[in-house]
Structures are given as structure tokens and as C-alpha cells.
Amino acid sequence: MSFEELPAEILSQIAFQLPQQDALHWGYTCKQVYSIVQPILYHCIEVNSQNKTFSAGSASEGLSSVTIPNYFNDETSFCMRSVKVSTLFSLKRFFSTLQDNPQLLKHIRYLSFHKRVPDMPDIELQFNLSSLLKGMTNIKVFQWYNHSYNLPMELISGATAMSCLAEASGNFSMANSPGYFWPNLRTLNISNYSDPNFLKQLNLGDFPNLTELVISRGPTSSNIFNRYEDEKVPEYVCVDNSGSQCVANLFQNFNSPRKLQLRSLTLKDTTLTFEDAKILAHHIEMAALQELSIINCFELLYEQNDFQNIRRRRFRVQSFLQALAPRISRLKTLNIYLTNELNYNNKTLGFLSKLHQLQSLNLIMNFNKFEDLKTNIQGVFQSLCNGHLNRSLKFLNFDYNVVNSGSTPIVGHYNTEKDMGSSYTPDVLQVLDNFVNLQHLRLPISECYLAKFYAIARNIHRLETLRLDFSKSIKKPEKAFSSLIHEDYFTMMKVPSFEANYNLVSMFARDLKKEIDNLKTVIFQYDRDDKASNRNITCSYN
């Protein structure tokens, strides 16, 4: 039996499973197959020109896929092979093909522009999008994560044909207050707005089916929680007074009689106040909230608006987290990274102790480099146990930054003469034995303490995925100035060979698998830079 004799439904399923190039070559075999393959190639489009270093996984790059939620049936989702547009020639060819064949626009379901796109002039790119978006009648996901400039939101809001749009995410700008016709919108991501008054032009009441909301003053990417894109974590945070009006401006024109039924809320790169917690509780059904993300946010802890003489101002009675905690007791997932002064860690831990149903925690904290790091980390995990999170947590991702304190050291509390270092001994993690339901764990740890950590990890009987970050313990060599020898020469002299690393960690993973039957994956991360991903080692078990 030849392919021409197969039903169209079977041919369509085969085309969905093939990589981009294989599906294209298969479509060239005959007209019947081409008529089926061509619409499928336009279902999911990703425009991304970011360079990737060759690794073992890059050979199967064509097999990458995008999982798109079925917004009309919350319990199901469907997976699509994504077609990559990575060069200027392919992007121009893509636009010209759609302009010559406008009937193909109705096949586009997913259109995403990543952080880096081919070097097409902004005016030309915007012109092509403005003429093509009007014909995308079946598009469900539109993402604009390009960092070169913000896309005017009027382009997508004015396209009334995009009534099926379920997700609008990315870095947008807005000149005028547009009218929206997105009755099915479920996910809204507004990022990289320069003017705080930008949010005043939004009326969230126009989106009755909204379930996920992301507000970020800085740019975002497809992986919003990847904070490792920054080269360096700032030791001092500049407080912007205008940023404190983010939540107030967002709900200024909210005129819906019912509260928003959000499942996920993300606040990123902004300042928060106690009043913001009350505004959120007034317009959002916080009891229905299942996921909360507070990323790189700074809370104004003082009642005065004057930012001078910060140590002499009166401290607030209640903080943003304290006001929010009683209303989100049913929260399942929390991603939190606050850039406040170091004494705010106690309030963060007190907030966590009130979330008794929390199942997933992504926690990043700042510690003073003159304090005892071992004592601080031990206090974090002990607080999680005291709050009974050791019984509910299934996913735990803990990380920390060692920074300079923004306040004057207290005599007897800080060791101002000695830097306490950026690593700790794993005996402070002994309380992990009490996390009876923990399935996924990610921790920063020094490679030299791997044997000691094994004695602790072997007692986490339900563990399925373990990720150990060694990058903090690797000391980067000082730069060689006034030298004709390339800097990489001195770097490679300090880095152990891949064989030595692999023998050490593979033995650890093999022994741990003997103790934990549920263990499936162990990842050892030596470098957070994506370009050095070939230095990371993954051990998988069936």
C-alpha cells in the first residue's frame, strides 16, 4: 500500500510526528501529501536567531516541540512540532509566502518571536505583522519576546479577526487606549513598559476568562523564571518611586462586577507595598489562586515616600506578604525572589510557614557575605519544617546569593574582617530527611561535599529528580592583565577534566539509584551559561 492510498487523517498524524525538514521533504513526494503537510508546517512558528553551541542534544534540534494548552478544555493539551525561522532570508521568505498565499494565515495557531530575531528593520517587521495579523483567524498564542523594541499593542488589539486568541505575551507598548475583542483570552503578559501610566489604559474587566496574568516592568522571555540570564546580581537595589504604583495603575479602570478568577499571578521587576496586597485581594479571587510568582521585586517597608535617610524612617506594621498570606492559604505553587535588605528574610520565612498546602516552592534568598552562611541556610530549612511544609512539598528549588549588606554591620553579629565564603557543608541539610513527599530537589552545593550529601539524599525515599548546582563552588581565576597569553588558557588550567568529573558524579548517581527506587534523573550542573551546557552531566534511569 502506498501513501496515496492512506486516509488523510493518518497522513496528518504522520506529518505531525515528523521533524521540520523530514516533513518538508516528504511533502515534495506528491501533491496529495503536500496538501496535508503544508498547513501543518504553518501551525506552530518560532522566530529565533539565537546562536547555539553544538552539543549532543543539538543534533535532534528539529525534534523540538511546543506544548500548547487547549484553552477550551482545561484538562487537555496538544503538542505541535515547531517550525524554526532563524535567518533573515527565511524570515523574508516566510512573510512573502504568506502575503502571496493569504489562505495559509488561517492555519497559524502559534506565533512566537523570541529574544533575538533576524536583523530585519523594525519598521519593516512591524509593517509585515500589521498586514498579516488581520488574517490569522485561528491563532491562539501570540508571543513577542524581542528585546530590541516593544511591539505596539494596537497591532494585535486592532486585529478583530483574532477573536480566538487565548494568549498574548511579551514586551508591548501602547500609545492609545485600544478596544479589545478577545473574549477567549486566558493568558496576558505585559512586560517592559517604560511608563507606569501604561497600565492605566488596560481594563482587565474586558477579559472575563482571564486565568493567568504576568506584569513585569522589565523584559521577559519564554522562560520567565530563568534569572541566570543576568551576568551579575546587583548588591544594591535602586528603589524607583514610580514603580510602586504598578498594582494601583493596573486596577484603576477595573469595572467588572465580579473578581478575576486567576489561577496564576506573576509580578516581576517592580516595587510592592502593603496597600498593593489589599488592592489585589479586592479585585482578584485570591482563594482560587494556585500559583504566585514574585520575582526580583522590592517591597517598600517604610510608610514615608521620602527615600532619604532610609534607616530613620518608621517601619510598617504589616508587610505585603503578611497581608497576603491569610488570603492564599490554598496556594499550590510559589516562586519568590525578593531583593529587599537582608533582615527581610525572616518575614519571607514567616510567610512560607502559613502556606500549609504548598506543593512546589522556588525560593531564592540573599545572604550577607560577612554572615555565617551555614547558619543562614540551616535556618531556612528548619523554618520550612516548622511550617509543616516538609509534609506537603513535592518540588523544592532553593538558591541563594551572597552579597554585601546595604546596612551597617552590627558588632558581634557580622564578621567584618573575614569573608565567610559562598559554599556550605551539607550537614545543615539533615532536615531533608523529614520531607517525606519530596520528589524533585534542586540545590547549590560544593562538589567536594558530594560524599557527605549522599548520606542525606539516600533517605529521601520518594525522590525522582535531583539537580545539584556546582557552579557556586567553582572559583573563577583572576584575569591575566598585560599578557599575550589568552585568558582561556588560565581558565582551562583550573577546570578538572570531563572524565574526572564524569567518574565522580556517575558513581554518586549509581549508588544513589541503588538506595532510591523511584530515582529517574540526576543532573550535575557545572556552569549556568547555556554556551557551556556540554559541561553539565545528566544521568537518567528507566
Protein backbone atom coordinates (compact mmCIF):
# COMPACT_ATOMS: atom_id res chain seq x y z
CA MET A 1 0.00 0.00 0.00
CA SER A 2 1.38 3.42 -0.99
CA PHE A 3 1.00 6.66 0.94
CA GLU A 4 -1.57 7.92 -1.56
CA GLU A 5 -3.95 5.15 -0.52
CA LEU A 6 -3.88 6.01 3.19
CA PRO A 7 -6.69 8.15 4.67
CA ALA A 8 -5.98 11.84 5.13
CA GLU A 9 -6.31 11.51 8.93
CA ILE A 10 -3.44 9.01 9.09
CA LEU A 11 -1.26 11.13 6.80
CA SER A 12 -1.95 14.12 9.02
CA GLN A 13 -0.87 12.22 12.15
CA ILE A 14 2.33 11.11 10.44
CA ALA A 15 3.13 14.68 9.40
CA PHE A 16 2.62 15.92 12.97
CA GLN A 17 5.26 13.49 14.27
CA LEU A 18 7.95 14.29 11.69
CA PRO A 19 10.69 16.90 12.21
CA GLN A 20 10.55 20.07 10.13
CA GLN A 21 12.93 19.06 7.33
CA ASP A 22 11.63 15.49 7.09
CA ALA A 23 8.03 16.67 6.82
CA LEU A 24 9.01 19.17 4.12
CA HIS A 25 10.87 16.56 2.07
CA TRP A 26 8.00 14.12 2.45
CA GLY A 27 5.57 16.77 1.19
CA TYR A 28 7.54 17.12 -2.03
CA THR A 29 6.85 13.49 -2.97
CA CYS A 30 3.32 14.07 -4.32
CA LYS A 31 0.55 16.68 -4.38
CA GLN A 32 -1.75 14.79 -2.02
CA VAL A 33 0.86 14.62 0.72
CA TYR A 34 1.92 18.22 0.11
CA SER A 35 -1.66 19.45 0.55
CA ILE A 36 -1.66 17.84 4.01
CA VAL A 37 1.88 18.74 5.08
CA GLN A 38 1.82 22.41 4.06
CA PRO A 39 -0.91 23.56 6.52
CA ILE A 40 0.77 21.60 9.34
CA LEU A 41 4.08 23.38 8.75
CA TYR A 42 2.32 26.69 9.46
CA HIS A 43 0.58 25.60 12.66
CA CYS A 44 3.43 26.49 15.00
CA ILE A 45 6.03 29.14 14.07
CA GLU A 46 9.01 30.20 16.20
CA VAL A 47 11.22 33.10 15.10
CA ASN A 48 14.53 32.76 16.91
CA SER A 49 18.02 33.66 15.66
CA GLN A 50 19.92 32.98 18.88
CA ASN A 51 23.12 31.07 18.31
CA LYS A 52 23.53 27.68 19.95
CA THR A 53 26.76 25.89 20.70
CA PHE A 54 26.89 22.40 19.26
CA SER A 55 26.27 19.67 21.83
CA ALA A 56 24.96 16.15 21.94
CA GLY A 57 21.39 17.44 22.06
CA SER A 58 21.71 19.85 19.16
CA ALA A 59 21.62 17.02 16.63
CA SER A 60 17.97 16.47 17.47
CA GLU A 61 17.08 20.15 17.40
CA GLY A 62 14.50 19.51 14.70
CA LEU A 63 12.61 17.28 17.10
CA SER A 64 11.79 20.17 19.44
CA SER A 65 8.13 20.76 20.02
CA VAL A 66 5.83 23.20 21.76
CA THR A 67 3.06 22.12 24.09
CA ILE A 68 0.03 24.35 23.66
CA PRO A 69 -2.73 24.17 26.28
CA ASN A 70 -6.21 23.56 24.95
CA TYR A 71 -7.81 26.64 26.44
CA PHE A 72 -11.28 25.40 25.61
CA ASN A 73 -10.72 22.21 27.63
CA ASP A 74 -8.58 22.93 30.69
CA GLU A 75 -7.68 19.30 31.31
CA THR A 76 -6.09 18.60 27.92
CA SER A 77 -3.30 20.00 25.80
CA PHE A 78 -1.82 19.22 22.42
CA CYS A 79 1.78 19.11 21.25
CA MET A 80 2.99 20.60 17.97
CA ARG A 81 6.24 20.43 16.07
CA SER A 82 7.58 23.97 15.85
CA VAL A 83 8.98 25.35 12.60
CA LYS A 84 12.11 27.42 13.24
CA VAL A 85 12.73 30.70 11.41
CA SER A 86 16.31 31.64 12.27
CA THR A 87 17.78 33.64 9.35
CA LEU A 88 16.91 36.90 7.65
CA PHE A 89 16.36 35.14 4.33
CA SER A 90 13.93 32.62 5.84
CA LEU A 91 12.03 35.37 7.67
CA LYS A 92 11.60 37.42 4.48
CA ARG A 93 10.58 34.28 2.61
CA PHE A 94 8.09 33.48 5.36
CA PHE A 95 6.42 36.90 5.12
CA SER A 96 6.37 36.94 1.31
CA THR A 97 4.85 33.46 1.15
CA LEU A 98 2.04 34.48 3.49
CA GLN A 99 1.38 37.66 1.52
CA ASP A 100 1.21 35.72 -1.76
CA ASN A 101 -0.90 32.95 -0.19
CA PRO A 102 -3.18 34.61 2.40
CA GLN A 103 -5.18 31.39 2.74
CA LEU A 104 -2.27 29.98 4.77
CA LEU A 105 -2.82 32.53 7.54
CA LYS A 106 -5.79 30.61 8.90
CA HIS A 107 -3.54 27.62 9.65
CA ILE A 108 -1.32 29.50 12.12
CA ARG A 109 -2.10 28.53 15.73
CA TYR A 110 1.11 29.58 17.47
CA LEU A 111 3.39 32.52 16.57
CA SER A 112 6.34 33.36 18.81
CA PHE A 113 9.16 35.89 18.43
CA HIS A 114 12.00 35.13 20.82
CA LYS A 115 14.56 37.37 22.47
CA ARG A 116 16.70 37.52 19.35
CA VAL A 117 15.17 37.63 15.89
CA PRO A 118 16.79 38.06 12.44
CA ASP A 119 18.13 41.54 11.81
CA MET A 120 15.15 42.95 9.95
CA PRO A 121 14.42 46.69 10.32
CA ASP A 122 11.82 47.37 12.98
CA ILE A 123 9.60 49.33 10.60
CA GLU A 124 9.61 46.53 8.04
CA LEU A 125 8.92 43.88 10.66
CA GLN A 126 6.07 45.90 12.14
CA PHE A 127 4.57 46.56 8.69
CA ASN A 128 4.56 42.86 7.81
CA LEU A 129 2.93 41.92 11.09
CA SER A 130 0.25 44.61 10.81
CA SER A 131 -0.83 43.31 7.41
CA LEU A 132 -0.72 39.61 8.30
CA LEU A 133 -2.22 39.51 11.80
CA LYS A 134 -5.61 40.51 10.42
CA GLY A 135 -5.84 37.23 8.52
CA MET A 136 -4.84 34.94 11.40
CA THR A 137 -8.38 33.99 12.33
CA ASN A 138 -7.42 30.80 14.19
CA ILE A 139 -4.34 31.96 16.08
CA LYS A 140 -4.41 31.03 19.77
CA VAL A 141 -0.96 32.04 21.04
CA PHE A 142 0.98 35.19 20.14
CA GLN A 143 4.29 35.91 21.88
CA TRP A 144 6.64 38.84 21.39
CA TYR A 145 9.80 38.47 23.48
CA ASN A 146 12.06 40.52 21.22
CA HIS A 147 14.22 42.82 23.36
CA SER A 148 15.25 45.24 20.62
CA TYR A 149 11.98 47.17 20.77
CA ASN A 150 8.47 46.85 22.14
CA LEU A 151 5.66 45.90 19.80
CA PRO A 152 2.76 48.38 19.75
CA MET A 153 -0.18 46.63 21.34
CA GLU A 154 -2.53 48.30 18.89
CA LEU A 155 -1.35 45.86 16.22
CA ILE A 156 -2.88 42.84 17.90
CA SER A 157 -5.73 44.61 19.67
CA GLY A 158 -6.89 46.15 16.38
CA ALA A 159 -6.96 42.79 14.62
CA THR A 160 -10.59 41.93 15.29
CA ALA A 161 -10.20 38.67 13.38
CA MET A 162 -8.07 37.32 16.26
CA SER A 163 -11.13 36.54 18.36
CA CYS A 164 -9.76 33.05 19.13
CA LEU A 165 -6.64 34.48 20.77
CA ALA A 166 -6.05 32.74 24.09
CA GLU A 167 -2.58 34.08 24.97
CA ALA A 168 -0.94 37.46 24.36
CA SER A 169 2.52 37.60 25.91
CA GLY A 170 5.59 39.74 25.55
CA ASN A 171 7.12 43.20 25.59
CA PHE A 172 4.46 45.64 24.44
CA SER A 173 3.98 49.38 24.22
CA MET A 174 0.78 51.36 23.93
CA ALA A 175 0.20 54.85 22.56
CA ASN A 176 -3.58 54.96 22.67
CA SER A 177 -6.21 53.11 24.62
CA PRO A 178 -7.36 50.41 22.18
CA GLY A 179 -10.54 48.43 22.12
CA TYR A 180 -10.16 44.71 22.62
CA PHE A 181 -12.09 41.84 21.18
CA TRP A 182 -10.52 38.86 22.92
CA PRO A 183 -13.40 37.04 24.59
CA ASN A 184 -11.33 33.84 24.89
CA LEU A 185 -8.13 35.37 26.29
CA ARG A 186 -6.77 33.22 29.12
CA THR A 187 -3.14 34.42 29.45
CA LEU A 188 -1.98 38.05 29.42
CA ASN A 189 1.69 39.01 29.81
CA ILE A 190 2.54 42.72 29.80
CA SER A 191 6.28 43.37 30.09
CA ASN A 192 8.95 46.02 29.62
CA TYR A 193 6.68 49.02 29.88
CA SER A 194 8.65 52.24 30.45
CA ASP A 195 5.79 54.46 31.59
CA PRO A 196 3.83 53.38 34.71
CA ASN A 197 0.75 55.06 33.24
CA PHE A 198 0.81 52.41 30.53
CA LEU A 199 -1.13 50.08 32.82
CA LYS A 200 -3.89 52.65 33.32
CA GLN A 201 -5.02 52.11 29.74
CA LEU A 202 -5.78 48.45 30.43
CA ASN A 203 -9.14 47.30 31.69
CA LEU A 204 -8.80 43.75 32.94
CA GLY A 205 -12.56 43.60 33.17
CA ASP A 206 -12.60 43.20 29.37
CA PHE A 207 -11.14 39.71 29.77
CA PRO A 208 -13.72 37.70 31.74
CA ASN A 209 -11.97 34.37 31.08
CA LEU A 210 -8.50 35.50 32.17
CA THR A 211 -6.74 32.83 34.26
CA GLU A 212 -3.05 33.83 34.06
CA LEU A 213 -1.65 37.35 34.47
CA VAL A 214 2.01 38.45 34.22
CA ILE A 215 3.06 42.04 34.91
CA SER A 216 6.75 42.88 34.57
CA ARG A 217 8.42 46.24 34.30
CA GLY A 218 11.47 44.61 32.79
CA PRO A 219 11.67 42.47 29.66
CA THR A 220 10.67 38.84 29.85
CA SER A 221 11.48 35.78 27.80
CA SER A 222 9.78 32.48 27.13
CA ASN A 223 11.29 31.19 30.38
CA ILE A 224 10.34 33.97 32.75
CA PHE A 225 11.87 32.26 35.77
CA ASN A 226 15.35 32.00 34.26
CA ARG A 227 17.14 34.62 36.29
CA TYR A 228 20.56 33.35 35.24
CA GLU A 229 20.43 35.48 32.10
CA ASP A 230 21.80 38.33 34.20
CA GLU A 231 25.57 38.41 34.35
CA LYS A 232 25.68 39.72 37.89
CA VAL A 233 23.18 40.11 40.70
CA PRO A 234 23.24 43.72 41.95
CA GLU A 235 24.34 44.13 45.55
CA TYR A 236 22.32 47.30 45.99
CA VAL A 237 18.86 47.83 44.61
CA CYS A 238 17.78 51.21 43.31
CA VAL A 239 14.27 51.95 44.55
CA ASP A 240 12.11 53.65 41.94
CA ASN A 241 9.19 55.53 43.44
CA SER A 242 7.16 55.42 40.21
CA GLY A 243 7.32 51.63 40.18
CA SER A 244 5.37 51.42 43.42
CA GLN A 245 2.18 52.40 41.55
CA CYS A 246 2.20 49.28 39.37
CA VAL A 247 -0.67 47.43 41.03
CA ALA A 248 -2.69 50.60 41.66
CA ASN A 249 -2.46 51.65 38.00
CA LEU A 250 -3.31 48.16 36.80
CA PHE A 251 -6.69 48.12 38.52
CA GLN A 252 -7.52 51.81 38.25
CA ASN A 253 -10.03 51.27 35.41
CA PHE A 254 -11.25 47.86 36.52
CA ASN A 255 -15.04 47.99 36.20
CA SER A 256 -16.12 44.35 36.31
CA PRO A 257 -18.77 43.43 38.92
CA ARG A 258 -17.02 40.12 39.64
CA LYS A 259 -13.47 39.42 40.74
CA LEU A 260 -10.89 37.95 38.41
CA GLN A 261 -10.72 34.16 38.71
CA LEU A 262 -6.97 33.87 38.27
CA ARG A 263 -5.08 30.63 38.66
CA SER A 264 -1.63 32.19 38.21
CA LEU A 265 -0.30 35.66 39.06
CA THR A 266 3.24 36.89 38.36
CA LEU A 267 4.72 40.21 39.50
CA LYS A 268 8.26 40.87 38.25
CA ASP A 269 10.79 43.71 38.39
CA THR A 270 8.61 46.11 40.34
CA THR A 271 8.10 47.55 43.81
CA LEU A 272 5.33 46.47 46.15
CA THR A 273 3.60 47.97 49.18
CA PHE A 274 1.17 46.87 51.85
CA GLU A 275 -1.62 48.71 50.01
CA ASP A 276 -0.96 46.64 46.89
CA ALA A 277 -1.90 43.48 48.77
CA LYS A 278 -5.27 44.99 49.65
CA ILE A 279 -5.86 46.06 46.03
CA LEU A 280 -5.10 42.56 44.76
CA ALA A 281 -7.44 40.99 47.31
CA HIS A 282 -10.21 43.41 46.32
CA HIS A 283 -10.10 42.62 42.58
CA ILE A 284 -8.82 39.01 42.48
CA GLU A 285 -10.38 35.92 44.00
CA MET A 286 -7.27 35.03 45.99
CA ALA A 287 -8.77 31.82 47.36
CA ALA A 288 -8.81 30.41 43.80
CA LEU A 289 -5.18 31.34 43.15
CA GLN A 290 -3.00 28.25 42.66
CA GLU A 291 0.32 29.79 41.57
CA LEU A 292 2.01 33.00 42.72
CA SER A 293 5.33 34.35 41.44
CA ILE A 294 7.10 37.37 42.93
CA ILE A 295 10.37 37.71 41.02
CA ASN A 296 13.03 40.37 41.57
CA CYS A 297 10.60 42.62 43.42
CA PHE A 298 11.42 45.16 46.11
CA GLU A 299 8.94 45.95 48.86
CA LEU A 300 8.72 49.44 50.31
CA LEU A 301 8.88 48.65 54.02
CA TYR A 302 8.51 52.21 55.27
CA GLU A 303 5.50 54.47 55.48
CA GLN A 304 7.10 57.64 54.14
CA ASN A 305 7.55 58.29 50.45
CA ASP A 306 10.79 60.12 51.06
CA PHE A 307 13.69 57.85 50.12
CA GLN A 308 16.28 59.82 52.07
CA ASN A 309 17.58 58.65 55.44
CA ILE A 310 16.21 55.16 54.94
CA ARG A 311 17.32 53.90 58.37
CA ARG A 312 15.47 56.63 60.29
CA ARG A 313 12.02 56.08 58.89
CA ARG A 314 9.26 54.22 60.69
CA PHE A 315 8.86 50.55 59.82
CA ARG A 316 5.48 49.33 58.58
CA VAL A 317 3.38 47.26 60.95
CA GLN A 318 2.46 44.78 58.21
CA SER A 319 4.27 43.89 55.02
CA PHE A 320 2.96 42.89 51.61
CA LEU A 321 3.47 39.18 52.28
CA GLN A 322 1.91 39.30 55.73
CA ALA A 323 -1.23 40.93 54.35
CA LEU A 324 -1.42 38.40 51.53
CA ALA A 325 -0.78 35.19 53.49
CA PRO A 326 -4.26 34.67 55.06
CA ARG A 327 -5.93 35.01 51.66
CA ILE A 328 -3.82 32.45 49.75
CA SER A 329 -3.72 29.57 52.21
CA ARG A 330 -4.65 27.14 49.38
CA LEU A 331 -1.71 28.12 47.19
CA LYS A 332 -0.04 25.17 45.43
CA THR A 333 2.97 26.78 43.70
CA LEU A 334 5.15 29.68 44.84
CA ASN A 335 8.12 31.30 43.08
CA ILE A 336 9.63 34.03 45.23
CA TYR A 337 12.73 36.17 44.94
CA LEU A 338 12.70 39.48 46.83
CA THR A 339 15.60 41.93 46.68
CA ASN A 340 14.97 43.63 50.00
CA GLU A 341 17.52 44.23 52.72
CA LEU A 342 18.83 41.10 54.37
CA ASN A 343 16.73 41.47 57.52
CA TYR A 344 13.62 40.84 55.39
CA ASN A 345 14.39 37.11 55.15
CA ASN A 346 12.59 36.48 58.43
CA LYS A 347 9.37 37.91 57.01
CA THR A 348 9.70 35.72 53.92
CA LEU A 349 10.14 32.59 56.03
CA GLY A 350 7.21 33.59 58.23
CA PHE A 351 5.09 33.96 55.11
CA LEU A 352 6.04 30.46 53.94
CA SER A 353 5.10 28.93 57.28
CA LYS A 354 1.45 29.88 56.69
CA LEU A 355 1.12 28.07 53.33
CA HIS A 356 0.30 24.59 54.58
CA GLN A 357 -0.89 23.24 51.20
CA LEU A 358 2.12 24.38 49.19
CA GLN A 359 3.43 21.66 46.87
CA SER A 360 6.02 23.49 44.75
CA LEU A 361 8.50 26.09 46.04
CA ASN A 362 11.11 28.03 44.07
CA LEU A 363 12.96 30.08 46.70
CA ILE A 364 15.89 32.46 46.15
CA MET A 365 17.34 34.41 49.08
CA ASN A 366 20.10 36.95 49.67
CA PHE A 367 22.68 36.44 52.43
CA ASN A 368 25.35 38.77 53.75
CA LYS A 369 28.84 37.64 52.81
CA PHE A 370 30.08 38.53 56.32
CA GLU A 371 27.49 36.30 57.99
CA ASP A 372 27.79 32.59 58.62
CA LEU A 373 26.26 31.04 55.51
CA LYS A 374 25.87 27.68 57.21
CA THR A 375 23.70 29.17 59.96
CA ASN A 376 21.53 31.06 57.48
CA ILE A 377 20.81 28.05 55.27
CA GLN A 378 20.14 25.85 58.27
CA GLY A 379 17.61 28.41 59.48
CA VAL A 380 15.84 28.38 56.12
CA PHE A 381 15.27 24.62 56.04
CA GLN A 382 14.41 24.50 59.72
CA SER A 383 11.75 27.17 59.15
CA LEU A 384 10.27 25.11 56.31
CA CYS A 385 9.99 22.14 58.66
CA ASN A 386 8.46 24.23 61.44
CA GLY A 387 5.82 25.42 58.98
CA HIS A 388 4.91 21.81 58.15
CA LEU A 389 5.98 22.28 54.52
CA ASN A 390 8.05 19.12 54.87
CA ARG A 391 4.80 17.17 54.57
CA SER A 392 3.28 18.95 51.57
CA LEU A 393 6.24 19.92 49.36
CA LYS A 394 6.85 17.78 46.27
CA PHE A 395 9.11 20.20 44.37
CA LEU A 396 11.83 22.30 46.02
CA ASN A 397 14.25 24.58 44.19
CA PHE A 398 16.47 26.53 46.58
CA ASP A 399 19.16 29.00 45.64
CA TYR A 400 20.92 31.93 47.25
CA ASN A 401 23.11 34.95 46.52
CA VAL A 402 25.98 36.08 48.73
CA VAL A 403 26.03 39.88 48.57
CA ASN A 404 27.23 42.87 50.53
CA SER A 405 24.85 44.21 53.14
CA GLY A 406 23.23 47.55 52.45
CA SER A 407 23.10 48.32 56.17
CA THR A 408 25.77 49.00 58.81
CA PRO A 409 27.19 45.79 60.33
CA ILE A 410 26.18 45.08 63.91
CA VAL A 411 29.01 44.32 66.32
CA GLY A 412 29.01 40.67 67.34
CA HIS A 413 26.65 39.62 64.53
CA TYR A 414 28.84 40.20 61.48
CA ASN A 415 32.39 39.11 60.91
CA THR A 416 33.59 42.20 59.09
CA GLU A 417 37.18 41.03 58.84
CA LYS A 418 36.54 37.76 57.03
CA ASP A 419 34.50 36.82 54.01
CA MET A 420 32.53 33.72 55.05
CA GLY A 421 32.57 32.31 51.50
CA SER A 422 29.84 31.20 49.12
CA SER A 423 29.61 27.48 49.98
CA TYR A 424 28.43 25.47 52.98
CA THR A 425 28.73 21.98 54.41
CA PRO A 426 25.79 19.65 53.69
CA ASP A 427 25.21 18.72 57.34
CA VAL A 428 22.84 21.70 57.53
CA LEU A 429 20.57 19.80 55.11
CA GLN A 430 19.97 16.97 57.56
CA VAL A 431 16.35 18.12 57.93
CA LEU A 432 15.68 16.97 54.36
CA ASP A 433 15.01 13.55 55.88
CA ASN A 434 11.71 14.99 57.13
CA PHE A 435 10.47 15.95 53.64
CA VAL A 436 8.52 12.74 53.21
CA ASN A 437 6.78 13.61 49.89
CA LEU A 438 9.65 15.39 48.14
CA GLN A 439 10.01 14.20 44.53
CA HIS A 440 12.08 16.93 42.83
CA LEU A 441 15.01 18.69 44.50
CA ARG A 442 17.46 21.30 43.25
CA LEU A 443 20.26 22.65 45.44
CA PRO A 444 23.56 24.54 45.12
CA ILE A 445 26.34 22.54 46.72
CA SER A 446 30.09 22.17 46.56
CA GLU A 447 31.41 19.20 44.62
CA CYS A 448 33.88 18.35 47.37
CA TYR A 449 30.95 17.63 49.73
CA LEU A 450 29.27 15.18 47.38
CA ALA A 451 30.04 12.17 49.57
CA LYS A 452 28.57 13.84 52.66
CA PHE A 453 25.45 14.84 50.77
CA TYR A 454 24.96 11.23 49.67
CA ALA A 455 24.31 10.21 53.28
CA ILE A 456 21.44 12.71 53.38
CA ALA A 457 19.97 12.19 49.90
CA ARG A 458 19.71 8.42 50.34
CA ASN A 459 16.99 8.98 52.96
CA ILE A 460 14.68 10.95 50.62
CA HIS A 461 12.86 7.81 49.52
CA ARG A 462 10.38 9.38 47.07
CA LEU A 463 12.95 11.44 45.20
CA GLU A 464 12.61 11.23 41.40
CA THR A 465 14.72 14.13 40.11
CA LEU A 466 17.84 15.59 41.72
CA ARG A 467 19.73 18.59 40.34
CA LEU A 468 22.95 19.68 42.04
CA ASP A 469 24.48 23.04 41.14
CA PHE A 470 28.27 23.08 41.48
CA SER A 471 28.76 26.48 39.83
CA LYS A 472 28.90 28.45 43.09
CA SER A 473 31.81 26.41 44.44
CA ILE A 474 33.93 26.81 41.29
CA LYS A 475 36.25 29.75 41.81
CA LYS A 476 36.88 31.67 38.64
CA PRO A 477 40.56 32.52 38.13
CA GLU A 478 41.62 36.11 38.13
CA LYS A 479 42.03 37.75 34.78
CA ALA A 480 45.54 37.99 33.43
CA PHE A 481 46.22 41.59 32.57
CA SER A 482 49.03 42.79 30.31
CA SER A 483 49.62 39.32 28.96
CA LEU A 484 49.87 37.98 25.43
CA ILE A 485 48.51 34.62 26.57
CA HIS A 486 44.77 34.23 26.05
CA GLU A 487 42.68 34.29 29.21
CA ASP A 488 41.06 30.94 28.39
CA TYR A 489 44.43 29.24 28.90
CA PHE A 490 44.41 30.10 32.61
CA THR A 491 40.75 29.13 32.89
CA MET A 492 41.24 25.67 31.42
CA MET A 493 44.16 25.02 33.76
CA LYS A 494 41.80 25.33 36.75
CA VAL A 495 38.93 23.23 35.34
CA PRO A 496 39.02 19.46 36.02
CA SER A 497 38.80 17.16 33.03
CA PHE A 498 35.43 15.91 31.87
CA GLU A 499 36.46 12.30 32.55
CA ALA A 500 37.31 13.07 36.17
CA ASN A 501 34.01 14.83 36.73
CA TYR A 502 32.03 12.12 35.00
CA ASN A 503 33.60 9.29 37.00
CA LEU A 504 32.87 11.06 40.27
CA VAL A 505 29.27 12.01 39.64
CA SER A 506 28.31 8.82 37.81
CA MET A 507 29.41 6.79 40.82
CA PHE A 508 27.33 9.05 43.07
CA ALA A 509 24.26 8.67 40.83
CA ARG A 510 24.68 4.91 40.53
CA ASP A 511 24.95 4.41 44.29
CA LEU A 512 22.00 6.71 44.93
CA LYS A 513 19.86 4.77 42.46
CA LYS A 514 20.51 1.61 44.48
CA GLU A 515 19.09 3.31 47.57
CA ILE A 516 16.11 5.09 45.93
CA ASP A 517 13.99 3.01 43.57
CA ASN A 518 11.96 6.00 42.32
CA LEU A 519 15.04 7.94 41.18
CA LYS A 520 14.88 8.73 37.45
CA THR A 521 17.23 11.65 36.73
CA VAL A 522 20.30 13.17 38.38
CA ILE A 523 21.71 16.37 36.86
CA PHE A 524 25.08 17.86 37.79
CA GLN A 525 25.40 21.49 36.76
CA TYR A 526 28.93 22.88 36.46
CA ASP A 527 28.12 26.08 34.61
CA ARG A 528 24.95 28.16 34.35
CA ASP A 529 25.93 29.55 30.98
CA ASP A 530 23.97 27.92 28.17
CA LYS A 531 27.05 28.06 25.94
CA ALA A 532 28.83 25.70 28.33
CA SER A 533 25.95 23.25 28.64
CA ASN A 534 28.24 20.47 27.44
CA ARG A 535 29.96 20.62 30.83
CA ASN A 536 26.76 19.61 32.60
CA ILE A 537 26.26 15.90 33.20
CA THR A 538 22.89 14.12 33.23
CA CYS A 539 22.35 10.57 34.47
CA SER A 540 18.96 9.07 33.57
CA TYR A 541 17.38 5.79 34.64
CA ASN A 542 14.32 4.00 33.32
